[in-house]
Amino acid sequence: MTISKGDRLPSTTFTQMTENGPEAVSSDNYFAGKTVAIFSVPGAFTPTCSAKHLPGFIDKADALKSKGVDEIACTAVNDAFVMGAWGKSAGADGKVTMLADGNGDFAQAMGLTMDGSKFGLGQRGQRFSMIVKDGVIAELNVEAPGDFKLSSAEYMLEQL
């Protein structure tokens, strides 16, 4: 079952690359007491994700924060090493937190997986974005396969 607006996020664990190496991040702790703009991409370093999705949130970080967003996070079914390298190469440091969903636990718990086997990607998270307030989904924007409209930073700004 796919999660919906108004639902509490499932309890899962992300991994974040730090200067000390990969560190576990509890979703319950990460989303507690703040407003988070989070978006999911099918894969780090993939064309739309690298050319539009992540750069859009980096470019609009200040605008999102001026509208009440405390943190911006990107997640993908990639390991923490790949997510860390992608964030660094894109200039995300200090703007977008890169949260690896290495085993796809978050995407599965949300009911928002996709089969990217046709492209050699295996099971991945769908492209989506959310505004999460204290662990509860205030807005949920799930893209149709192949689309990039509803999960963009620009669309999210219109929702705030």
C-alpha atoms as a PDB file:
ATOM      1  CA  MET A   1       0.000   0.000   0.000  1.00  0.00           C
ATOM      2  CA  THR A   2       1.279   3.435  -0.940  1.00  0.00           C
ATOM      3  CA  ILE A   3       1.626   5.987   1.811  1.00  0.00           C
ATOM      4  CA  SER A   4      -0.643   9.059   1.638  1.00  0.00           C
ATOM      5  CA  LYS A   5      -0.799  12.680   2.665  1.00  0.00           C
ATOM      6  CA  GLY A   6      -1.562  12.845   6.398  1.00  0.00           C
ATOM      7  CA  ASP A   7       0.216   9.558   7.176  1.00  0.00           C
ATOM      8  CA  ARG A   8       3.147   9.298   9.567  1.00  0.00           C
ATOM      9  CA  LEU A   9       6.392   8.264   7.893  1.00  0.00           C
ATOM     10  CA  PRO A  10       7.468   4.681   8.497  1.00  0.00           C
ATOM     11  CA  SER A  11      10.342   4.033  10.900  1.00  0.00           C
ATOM     12  CA  THR A  12      13.380   3.126   8.816  1.00  0.00           C
ATOM     13  CA  THR A  13      17.088   3.809   8.802  1.00  0.00           C
ATOM     14  CA  PHE A  14      18.991   5.801   6.195  1.00  0.00           C
ATOM     15  CA  THR A  15      22.771   5.998   5.921  1.00  0.00           C
ATOM     16  CA  GLN A  16      24.585   9.306   5.562  1.00  0.00           C
ATOM     17  CA  MET A  17      28.211   9.790   4.576  1.00  0.00           C
ATOM     18  CA  THR A  18      30.092  11.866   7.152  1.00  0.00           C
ATOM     19  CA  GLU A  19      33.746  12.749   7.668  1.00  0.00           C
ATOM     20  CA  ASN A  20      33.861   9.669   9.935  1.00  0.00           C
ATOM     21  CA  GLY A  21      32.412   7.408   7.240  1.00  0.00           C
ATOM     22  CA  PRO A  22      28.864   6.063   6.842  1.00  0.00           C
ATOM     23  CA  GLU A  23      26.535   6.712   9.784  1.00  0.00           C
ATOM     24  CA  ALA A  24      23.026   5.403  10.428  1.00  0.00           C
ATOM     25  CA  VAL A  25      20.235   7.993  10.522  1.00  0.00           C
ATOM     26  CA  SER A  26      16.920   7.031  12.130  1.00  0.00           C
ATOM     27  CA  SER A  27      13.975   8.412  10.165  1.00  0.00           C
ATOM     28  CA  ASP A  28      12.122   8.984  13.447  1.00  0.00           C
ATOM     29  CA  ASN A  29      14.924  11.209  14.752  1.00  0.00           C
ATOM     30  CA  TYR A  30      15.646  12.944  11.448  1.00  0.00           C
ATOM     31  CA  PHE A  31      12.071  14.145  10.865  1.00  0.00           C
ATOM     32  CA  ALA A  32      11.154  14.880  14.498  1.00  0.00           C
ATOM     33  CA  GLY A  33      10.211  18.450  15.343  1.00  0.00           C
ATOM     34  CA  LYS A  34      11.003  20.042  11.982  1.00  0.00           C
ATOM     35  CA  THR A  35       9.728  20.643   8.477  1.00  0.00           C
ATOM     36  CA  VAL A  36      11.659  18.660   5.882  1.00  0.00           C
ATOM     37  CA  ALA A  37      11.450  18.851   2.111  1.00  0.00           C
ATOM     38  CA  ILE A  38      12.550  15.415   0.933  1.00  0.00           C
ATOM     39  CA  PHE A  39      12.738  14.099  -2.585  1.00  0.00           C
ATOM     40  CA  SER A  40      13.485  10.661  -3.970  1.00  0.00           C
ATOM     41  CA  VAL A  41      15.282   9.941  -7.207  1.00  0.00           C
ATOM     42  CA  PRO A  42      15.671   6.618  -9.029  1.00  0.00           C
ATOM     43  CA  GLY A  43      19.450   6.854  -8.898  1.00  0.00           C
ATOM     44  CA  ALA A  44      22.428   9.056  -8.171  1.00  0.00           C
ATOM     45  CA  PHE A  45      24.345  10.243 -11.235  1.00  0.00           C
ATOM     46  CA  THR A  46      21.471   9.309 -13.570  1.00  0.00           C
ATOM     47  CA  PRO A  47      20.539  11.871 -16.275  1.00  0.00           C
ATOM     48  CA  THR A  48      17.361  13.621 -15.038  1.00  0.00           C
ATOM     49  CA  CYS A  49      18.392  13.256 -11.399  1.00  0.00           C
ATOM     50  CA  SER A  50      21.790  14.899 -11.995  1.00  0.00           C
ATOM     51  CA  ALA A  51      20.770  17.479 -14.585  1.00  0.00           C
ATOM     52  CA  LYS A  52      17.494  18.693 -13.064  1.00  0.00           C
ATOM     53  CA  HIS A  53      16.241  17.155  -9.828  1.00  0.00           C
ATOM     54  CA  LEU A  54      19.135  17.589  -7.370  1.00  0.00           C
ATOM     55  CA  PRO A  55      20.352  20.872  -8.939  1.00  0.00           C
ATOM     56  CA  GLY A  56      16.849  22.322  -8.645  1.00  0.00           C
ATOM     57  CA  PHE A  57      16.758  21.728  -4.900  1.00  0.00           C
ATOM     58  CA  ILE A  58      20.303  23.074  -4.480  1.00  0.00           C
ATOM     59  CA  ASP A  59      19.386  26.219  -6.430  1.00  0.00           C
ATOM     60  CA  LYS A  60      16.095  26.713  -4.547  1.00  0.00           C
ATOM     61  CA  ALA A  61      17.419  25.811  -1.068  1.00  0.00           C
ATOM     62  CA  ASP A  62      17.318  29.381   0.246  1.00  0.00           C
ATOM     63  CA  ALA A  63      13.834  29.994  -1.185  1.00  0.00           C
ATOM     64  CA  LEU A  64      12.512  26.782   0.387  1.00  0.00           C
ATOM     65  CA  LYS A  65      14.052  27.646   3.740  1.00  0.00           C
ATOM     66  CA  SER A  66      12.582  31.156   3.591  1.00  0.00           C
ATOM     67  CA  LYS A  67       9.135  29.496   3.356  1.00  0.00           C
ATOM     68  CA  GLY A  68       9.586  27.447   6.536  1.00  0.00           C
ATOM     69  CA  VAL A  69      11.564  24.384   5.447  1.00  0.00           C
ATOM     70  CA  ASP A  70      14.170  23.493   8.078  1.00  0.00           C
ATOM     71  CA  GLU A  71      16.007  20.842   6.054  1.00  0.00           C
ATOM     72  CA  ILE A  72      16.124  19.550   2.505  1.00  0.00           C
ATOM     73  CA  ALA A  73      16.992  15.898   1.905  1.00  0.00           C
ATOM     74  CA  CYS A  74      17.543  13.719  -1.127  1.00  0.00           C
ATOM     75  CA  THR A  75      17.165   9.952  -0.984  1.00  0.00           C
ATOM     76  CA  ALA A  76      17.839   7.176  -3.467  1.00  0.00           C
ATOM     77  CA  VAL A  77      18.347   3.433  -3.428  1.00  0.00           C
ATOM     78  CA  ASN A  78      22.121   3.859  -3.551  1.00  0.00           C
ATOM     79  CA  ASP A  79      24.806   3.304  -0.949  1.00  0.00           C
ATOM     80  CA  ALA A  80      26.141   6.098   1.277  1.00  0.00           C
ATOM     81  CA  PHE A  81      29.438   6.252  -0.630  1.00  0.00           C
ATOM     82  CA  VAL A  82      27.670   6.953  -3.932  1.00  0.00           C
ATOM     83  CA  MET A  83      25.227   9.423  -2.354  1.00  0.00           C
ATOM     84  CA  GLY A  84      28.094  11.235  -0.620  1.00  0.00           C
ATOM     85  CA  ALA A  85      30.111  11.474  -3.840  1.00  0.00           C
ATOM     86  CA  TRP A  86      27.084  12.638  -5.819  1.00  0.00           C
ATOM     87  CA  GLY A  87      26.263  15.321  -3.271  1.00  0.00           C
ATOM     88  CA  LYS A  88      29.866  16.542  -3.289  1.00  0.00           C
ATOM     89  CA  SER A  89      30.088  16.642  -7.080  1.00  0.00           C
ATOM     90  CA  ALA A  90      26.783  18.546  -7.286  1.00  0.00           C
ATOM     91  CA  GLY A  91      27.662  21.101  -4.589  1.00  0.00           C
ATOM     92  CA  ALA A  92      24.933  19.924  -2.204  1.00  0.00           C
ATOM     93  CA  ASP A  93      26.998  20.360   0.985  1.00  0.00           C
ATOM     94  CA  GLY A  94      25.191  22.656   3.394  1.00  0.00           C
ATOM     95  CA  LYS A  95      22.080  22.771   1.193  1.00  0.00           C
ATOM     96  CA  VAL A  96      20.766  19.238   0.652  1.00  0.00           C
ATOM     97  CA  THR A  97      21.366  16.282   2.978  1.00  0.00           C
ATOM     98  CA  MET A  98      22.075  13.099   1.043  1.00  0.00           C
ATOM     99  CA  LEU A  99      20.317  10.124   2.682  1.00  0.00           C
ATOM    100  CA  ALA A 100      21.153   6.718   1.249  1.00  0.00           C
ATOM    101  CA  ASP A 101      18.367   4.127   1.202  1.00  0.00           C
ATOM    102  CA  GLY A 102      20.853   1.416   0.264  1.00  0.00           C
ATOM    103  CA  ASN A 103      18.561  -1.582   0.617  1.00  0.00           C
ATOM    104  CA  GLY A 104      15.428   0.261  -0.459  1.00  0.00           C
ATOM    105  CA  ASP A 105      13.816  -0.116   2.976  1.00  0.00           C
ATOM    106  CA  PHE A 106      12.393   3.432   2.962  1.00  0.00           C
ATOM    107  CA  ALA A 107      11.047   3.159  -0.598  1.00  0.00           C
ATOM    108  CA  GLN A 108       9.478  -0.233   0.218  1.00  0.00           C
ATOM    109  CA  ALA A 109       7.937   0.977   3.482  1.00  0.00           C
ATOM    110  CA  MET A 110       6.451   3.938   1.604  1.00  0.00           C
ATOM    111  CA  GLY A 111       5.041   1.657  -1.103  1.00  0.00           C
ATOM    112  CA  LEU A 112       6.882   3.753  -3.680  1.00  0.00           C
ATOM    113  CA  THR A 113       9.229   1.338  -5.416  1.00  0.00           C
ATOM    114  CA  MET A 114       9.797   0.867  -9.115  1.00  0.00           C
ATOM    115  CA  ASP A 115      11.379  -1.853 -11.187  1.00  0.00           C
ATOM    116  CA  GLY A 116      14.315  -0.380 -13.088  1.00  0.00           C
ATOM    117  CA  SER A 117      15.576  -3.781 -14.279  1.00  0.00           C
ATOM    118  CA  LYS A 118      14.990  -2.792 -17.906  1.00  0.00           C
ATOM    119  CA  PHE A 119      17.740  -0.188 -17.396  1.00  0.00           C
ATOM    120  CA  GLY A 120      20.010  -2.359 -15.230  1.00  0.00           C
ATOM    121  CA  LEU A 121      18.938  -0.581 -12.033  1.00  0.00           C
ATOM    122  CA  GLY A 122      16.942  -3.313 -10.284  1.00  0.00           C
ATOM    123  CA  GLN A 123      14.429  -2.278  -7.604  1.00  0.00           C
ATOM    124  CA  ARG A 124      14.560   1.463  -6.901  1.00  0.00           C
ATOM    125  CA  GLY A 125      12.521   4.213  -5.328  1.00  0.00           C
ATOM    126  CA  GLN A 126      10.104   6.117  -7.537  1.00  0.00           C
ATOM    127  CA  ARG A 127      10.649   9.795  -8.256  1.00  0.00           C
ATOM    128  CA  PHE A 128       8.665  11.758  -5.665  1.00  0.00           C
ATOM    129  CA  SER A 129       8.848  14.652  -3.233  1.00  0.00           C
ATOM    130  CA  MET A 130       7.244  15.342   0.123  1.00  0.00           C
ATOM    131  CA  ILE A 131       6.889  18.044   2.687  1.00  0.00           C
ATOM    132  CA  VAL A 132       7.093  16.342   6.062  1.00  0.00           C
ATOM    133  CA  LYS A 133       6.132  18.156   9.265  1.00  0.00           C
ATOM    134  CA  ASP A 134       7.247  16.474  12.485  1.00  0.00           C
ATOM    135  CA  GLY A 135       7.179  13.061  10.811  1.00  0.00           C
ATOM    136  CA  VAL A 136       3.770  13.510   9.124  1.00  0.00           C
ATOM    137  CA  ILE A 137       3.365  13.922   5.369  1.00  0.00           C
ATOM    138  CA  ALA A 138       1.889  17.354   4.618  1.00  0.00           C
ATOM    139  CA  GLU A 139       2.343  17.110   0.834  1.00  0.00           C
ATOM    140  CA  LEU A 140       3.156  14.098  -1.371  1.00  0.00           C
ATOM    141  CA  ASN A 141       4.009  14.445  -5.048  1.00  0.00           C
ATOM    142  CA  VAL A 142       4.539  11.183  -6.933  1.00  0.00           C
ATOM    143  CA  GLU A 143       5.624  11.328 -10.565  1.00  0.00           C
ATOM    144  CA  ALA A 144       4.197   9.184 -13.331  1.00  0.00           C
ATOM    145  CA  PRO A 145       6.878   6.912 -14.828  1.00  0.00           C
ATOM    146  CA  GLY A 146       9.324   8.957 -16.895  1.00  0.00           C
ATOM    147  CA  ASP A 147       7.922  12.333 -15.755  1.00  0.00           C
ATOM    148  CA  PHE A 148       9.630  15.160 -13.905  1.00  0.00           C
ATOM    149  CA  LYS A 149       7.112  17.838 -12.955  1.00  0.00           C
ATOM    150  CA  LEU A 150       5.426  17.282  -9.596  1.00  0.00           C
ATOM    151  CA  SER A 151       8.565  16.440  -7.604  1.00  0.00           C
ATOM    152  CA  SER A 152      10.593  19.495  -8.606  1.00  0.00           C
ATOM    153  CA  ALA A 153      11.754  22.198  -6.219  1.00  0.00           C
ATOM    154  CA  GLU A 154       9.735  24.748  -8.195  1.00  0.00           C
ATOM    155  CA  TYR A 155       6.514  22.769  -7.741  1.00  0.00           C
ATOM    156  CA  MET A 156       7.236  22.355  -4.037  1.00  0.00           C
ATOM    157  CA  LEU A 157       7.750  26.103  -3.623  1.00  0.00           C
ATOM    158  CA  GLU A 158       4.215  26.621  -4.966  1.00  0.00           C
ATOM    159  CA  GLN A 159       2.895  24.292  -2.244  1.00  0.00           C
ATOM    160  CA  LEU A 160       4.439  26.256   0.629  1.00  0.00           C
END
